[in-house]
Amino acid sequence: MGPRWEVVQRFDLHEHVADCFWKPLHNHHARMEELGITIFPDYVIDDHVEIIHAFTGSHVPEPMLPLDRDKVMWRVYDEISAHVSRTQLD
């Protein structure tokens, strides 16, 4: 679906998002330059498990309905926190 600046704008995330890119859905590392990806991601959150395997990150399935019962993003928050803790030790 490409860069989602409309989501950044809608949820006022500008201070947390440095840039948005097309994501490589195959040949992940090799296609980064082709897609104009100027940084190597520290951590990715995606619904495509292949991207999680190519980089470090958390897989997020489609939301469970009703949305107020979906707790996946709490798991992701914990996984990001653990990742940050590990990388700060390096």
N, C-alpha and C. Protein backbone atom coordinates (compact mmCIF):
# COMPACT_ATOMS: atom_id res chain seq x y z
N MET A 1 0.82 -1.20 0.00
CA MET A 1 0.00 0.00 0.00
C MET A 1 0.86 1.25 0.00
N GLY A 2 2.14 1.11 0.17
CA GLY A 2 3.03 2.25 0.09
C GLY A 2 3.13 3.05 1.38
N PRO A 3 3.85 4.15 1.30
CA PRO A 3 3.99 5.02 2.48
C PRO A 3 2.62 5.52 2.94
N ARG A 4 2.44 5.55 4.22
CA ARG A 4 1.12 5.91 4.76
C ARG A 4 1.18 7.20 5.57
N TRP A 5 1.54 8.26 4.88
CA TRP A 5 1.60 9.55 5.55
C TRP A 5 0.24 9.98 6.08
N GLU A 6 -0.85 9.52 5.43
CA GLU A 6 -2.18 9.90 5.91
C GLU A 6 -2.44 9.35 7.31
N VAL A 7 -1.86 8.19 7.63
CA VAL A 7 -2.02 7.62 8.97
C VAL A 7 -1.20 8.44 9.97
N VAL A 8 0.02 8.81 9.60
CA VAL A 8 0.85 9.64 10.46
C VAL A 8 0.13 10.95 10.76
N GLN A 9 -0.46 11.55 9.74
CA GLN A 9 -1.18 12.81 9.92
C GLN A 9 -2.44 12.62 10.76
N ARG A 10 -3.22 11.59 10.44
CA ARG A 10 -4.50 11.37 11.14
C ARG A 10 -4.31 11.20 12.64
N PHE A 11 -3.23 10.49 13.03
CA PHE A 11 -3.01 10.20 14.45
C PHE A 11 -1.92 11.10 15.07
N ASP A 12 -1.53 12.15 14.33
CA ASP A 12 -0.57 13.13 14.83
C ASP A 12 0.71 12.47 15.35
N LEU A 13 1.30 11.65 14.49
CA LEU A 13 2.49 10.88 14.86
C LEU A 13 3.80 11.48 14.33
N HIS A 14 3.76 12.70 13.82
CA HIS A 14 4.94 13.30 13.17
C HIS A 14 6.19 13.27 14.04
N GLU A 15 6.04 13.49 15.34
CA GLU A 15 7.23 13.51 16.19
C GLU A 15 7.83 12.11 16.40
N HIS A 16 7.08 11.06 16.04
CA HIS A 16 7.55 9.69 16.24
C HIS A 16 7.97 9.00 14.94
N VAL A 17 7.63 9.58 13.80
CA VAL A 17 7.89 8.95 12.50
C VAL A 17 8.82 9.84 11.70
N ALA A 18 10.01 9.31 11.38
CA ALA A 18 10.98 10.08 10.61
C ALA A 18 10.71 10.00 9.11
N ASP A 19 10.23 8.86 8.63
CA ASP A 19 9.98 8.70 7.20
C ASP A 19 9.09 7.49 6.97
N CYS A 20 8.50 7.41 5.80
CA CYS A 20 7.67 6.27 5.40
C CYS A 20 8.18 5.77 4.05
N PHE A 21 8.11 4.46 3.85
CA PHE A 21 8.65 3.85 2.64
C PHE A 21 7.72 2.77 2.12
N TRP A 22 7.92 2.40 0.83
CA TRP A 22 7.35 1.17 0.30
C TRP A 22 8.12 0.04 0.96
N LYS A 23 7.47 -1.05 1.31
CA LYS A 23 8.19 -2.16 1.91
C LYS A 23 8.48 -3.23 0.87
N PRO A 24 9.66 -3.81 0.96
CA PRO A 24 9.99 -4.90 0.04
C PRO A 24 9.29 -6.19 0.48
N LEU A 25 8.49 -6.75 -0.39
CA LEU A 25 7.74 -7.96 -0.05
C LEU A 25 8.48 -9.25 -0.45
N HIS A 26 9.60 -9.11 -1.15
CA HIS A 26 10.47 -10.24 -1.48
C HIS A 26 11.87 -9.67 -1.70
N ASN A 27 12.87 -10.54 -1.63
CA ASN A 27 14.27 -10.07 -1.73
C ASN A 27 14.46 -8.81 -0.88
N HIS A 28 14.05 -8.91 0.35
CA HIS A 28 13.91 -7.76 1.25
C HIS A 28 15.13 -6.85 1.28
N HIS A 29 16.28 -7.41 1.57
CA HIS A 29 17.48 -6.58 1.72
C HIS A 29 17.93 -6.03 0.36
N ALA A 30 17.87 -6.86 -0.67
CA ALA A 30 18.32 -6.45 -2.00
C ALA A 30 17.46 -5.34 -2.59
N ARG A 31 16.20 -5.28 -2.24
CA ARG A 31 15.28 -4.31 -2.84
C ARG A 31 15.22 -2.97 -2.10
N MET A 32 15.91 -2.87 -0.99
CA MET A 32 15.83 -1.63 -0.21
C MET A 32 16.26 -0.41 -1.03
N GLU A 33 17.39 -0.50 -1.73
CA GLU A 33 17.86 0.64 -2.52
C GLU A 33 16.87 0.97 -3.64
N GLU A 34 16.39 -0.06 -4.33
CA GLU A 34 15.43 0.12 -5.42
C GLU A 34 14.19 0.88 -4.95
N LEU A 35 13.74 0.61 -3.73
CA LEU A 35 12.54 1.23 -3.19
C LEU A 35 12.80 2.57 -2.50
N GLY A 36 14.07 3.00 -2.51
CA GLY A 36 14.41 4.29 -1.91
C GLY A 36 14.47 4.27 -0.40
N ILE A 37 14.67 3.09 0.17
CA ILE A 37 14.76 2.97 1.63
C ILE A 37 16.17 3.38 2.03
N THR A 38 16.27 4.50 2.72
CA THR A 38 17.56 5.11 3.01
C THR A 38 18.16 4.70 4.36
N ILE A 39 17.41 3.95 5.14
CA ILE A 39 17.91 3.50 6.44
C ILE A 39 17.64 2.00 6.58
N PHE A 40 18.43 1.34 7.40
CA PHE A 40 18.16 -0.06 7.72
C PHE A 40 17.29 -0.06 8.97
N PRO A 41 16.15 -0.74 8.94
CA PRO A 41 15.24 -0.68 10.09
C PRO A 41 15.82 -1.35 11.33
N ASP A 42 15.67 -0.68 12.46
CA ASP A 42 16.05 -1.27 13.75
C ASP A 42 15.05 -2.32 14.18
N TYR A 43 13.78 -2.06 13.86
CA TYR A 43 12.71 -2.93 14.33
C TYR A 43 11.50 -2.69 13.43
N VAL A 44 10.86 -3.75 12.99
CA VAL A 44 9.68 -3.62 12.14
C VAL A 44 8.47 -4.26 12.81
N ILE A 45 7.32 -3.73 12.51
CA ILE A 45 6.04 -4.29 12.96
C ILE A 45 5.22 -4.46 11.69
N ASP A 46 4.83 -5.70 11.40
CA ASP A 46 4.20 -5.94 10.11
C ASP A 46 3.27 -7.13 10.17
N ASP A 47 2.32 -7.16 9.21
CA ASP A 47 1.42 -8.30 9.11
C ASP A 47 1.98 -9.37 8.17
N HIS A 48 3.06 -9.08 7.47
CA HIS A 48 3.73 -10.08 6.63
C HIS A 48 4.86 -10.72 7.43
N VAL A 49 4.70 -11.98 7.78
CA VAL A 49 5.68 -12.66 8.62
C VAL A 49 7.05 -12.74 7.94
N GLU A 50 7.08 -12.75 6.61
CA GLU A 50 8.35 -12.82 5.89
C GLU A 50 9.24 -11.60 6.19
N ILE A 51 8.62 -10.47 6.39
CA ILE A 51 9.38 -9.26 6.71
C ILE A 51 9.98 -9.36 8.11
N ILE A 52 9.24 -9.96 9.01
CA ILE A 52 9.75 -10.16 10.37
C ILE A 52 10.94 -11.10 10.35
N HIS A 53 10.90 -12.11 9.49
CA HIS A 53 12.03 -13.04 9.37
C HIS A 53 13.24 -12.37 8.72
N ALA A 54 13.01 -11.43 7.80
CA ALA A 54 14.11 -10.76 7.12
C ALA A 54 14.79 -9.71 8.01
N PHE A 55 14.01 -9.08 8.87
CA PHE A 55 14.51 -8.05 9.77
C PHE A 55 14.15 -8.47 11.20
N THR A 56 14.43 -7.64 12.16
CA THR A 56 14.01 -7.88 13.53
C THR A 56 12.67 -7.20 13.74
N GLY A 57 11.71 -7.89 14.39
CA GLY A 57 10.45 -7.23 14.61
C GLY A 57 9.36 -8.10 15.19
N SER A 58 8.15 -7.57 15.14
CA SER A 58 6.97 -8.23 15.68
C SER A 58 5.94 -8.43 14.57
N HIS A 59 5.37 -9.62 14.54
CA HIS A 59 4.31 -9.92 13.60
C HIS A 59 2.97 -9.53 14.23
N VAL A 60 2.15 -8.84 13.45
CA VAL A 60 0.83 -8.41 13.91
C VAL A 60 -0.21 -8.96 12.94
N PRO A 61 -1.04 -9.89 13.39
CA PRO A 61 -2.10 -10.40 12.52
C PRO A 61 -3.21 -9.36 12.37
N GLU A 62 -4.16 -9.66 11.51
CA GLU A 62 -5.31 -8.76 11.38
C GLU A 62 -5.98 -8.59 12.74
N PRO A 63 -6.55 -7.41 13.00
CA PRO A 63 -7.17 -7.16 14.31
C PRO A 63 -8.34 -8.09 14.59
N MET A 64 -8.46 -8.41 15.86
CA MET A 64 -9.59 -9.21 16.31
C MET A 64 -10.77 -8.26 16.56
N LEU A 65 -11.92 -8.68 16.16
CA LEU A 65 -13.12 -7.87 16.39
C LEU A 65 -13.94 -8.45 17.52
N PRO A 66 -14.53 -7.65 18.36
CA PRO A 66 -14.47 -6.19 18.38
C PRO A 66 -13.07 -5.70 18.81
N LEU A 67 -12.69 -4.55 18.31
CA LEU A 67 -11.34 -4.03 18.51
C LEU A 67 -10.97 -3.85 19.97
N ASP A 68 -11.94 -3.57 20.83
CA ASP A 68 -11.61 -3.36 22.24
C ASP A 68 -11.13 -4.64 22.92
N ARG A 69 -11.30 -5.78 22.29
CA ARG A 69 -10.80 -7.05 22.83
C ARG A 69 -9.44 -7.44 22.27
N ASP A 70 -8.98 -6.72 21.25
CA ASP A 70 -7.70 -7.04 20.61
C ASP A 70 -6.56 -6.50 21.47
N LYS A 71 -5.74 -7.39 21.98
CA LYS A 71 -4.64 -7.01 22.88
C LYS A 71 -3.27 -7.19 22.24
N VAL A 72 -3.23 -7.43 20.93
CA VAL A 72 -1.97 -7.71 20.24
C VAL A 72 -0.96 -6.58 20.40
N MET A 73 -1.40 -5.35 20.31
CA MET A 73 -0.45 -4.25 20.39
C MET A 73 0.18 -4.12 21.77
N TRP A 74 -0.45 -4.63 22.81
CA TRP A 74 0.19 -4.68 24.13
C TRP A 74 1.36 -5.65 24.10
N ARG A 75 1.19 -6.78 23.40
CA ARG A 75 2.30 -7.73 23.23
C ARG A 75 3.43 -7.06 22.46
N VAL A 76 3.08 -6.35 21.39
CA VAL A 76 4.09 -5.67 20.58
C VAL A 76 4.84 -4.64 21.42
N TYR A 77 4.12 -3.90 22.24
CA TYR A 77 4.77 -2.93 23.12
C TYR A 77 5.81 -3.62 24.01
N ASP A 78 5.43 -4.75 24.60
CA ASP A 78 6.37 -5.50 25.44
C ASP A 78 7.56 -5.99 24.64
N GLU A 79 7.33 -6.44 23.41
CA GLU A 79 8.43 -6.93 22.55
C GLU A 79 9.37 -5.78 22.17
N ILE A 80 8.82 -4.61 21.87
CA ILE A 80 9.67 -3.45 21.56
C ILE A 80 10.48 -3.06 22.78
N SER A 81 9.85 -3.03 23.95
CA SER A 81 10.56 -2.69 25.18
C SER A 81 11.71 -3.65 25.45
N ALA A 82 11.47 -4.94 25.24
CA ALA A 82 12.53 -5.94 25.43
C ALA A 82 13.65 -5.74 24.42
N HIS A 83 13.30 -5.43 23.19
CA HIS A 83 14.31 -5.18 22.15
C HIS A 83 15.18 -3.99 22.52
N VAL A 84 14.55 -2.91 22.97
CA VAL A 84 15.29 -1.71 23.36
C VAL A 84 16.22 -2.03 24.52
N SER A 85 15.73 -2.78 25.49
CA SER A 85 16.57 -3.16 26.64
C SER A 85 17.79 -3.95 26.20
N ARG A 86 17.58 -4.89 25.29
CA ARG A 86 18.71 -5.72 24.78
C ARG A 86 19.71 -4.86 24.02
N THR A 87 19.23 -3.96 23.18
CA THR A 87 20.15 -3.16 22.36
C THR A 87 20.88 -2.12 23.18
N GLN A 88 20.31 -1.69 24.28
CA GLN A 88 21.01 -0.72 25.15
C GLN A 88 22.15 -1.38 25.90
N LEU A 89 22.11 -2.70 26.04
CA LEU A 89 23.18 -3.43 26.71
C LEU A 89 24.40 -3.60 25.79
N ASP A 90 24.18 -3.51 24.50
CA ASP A 90 25.29 -3.70 23.53
C ASP A 90 26.23 -2.52 23.49
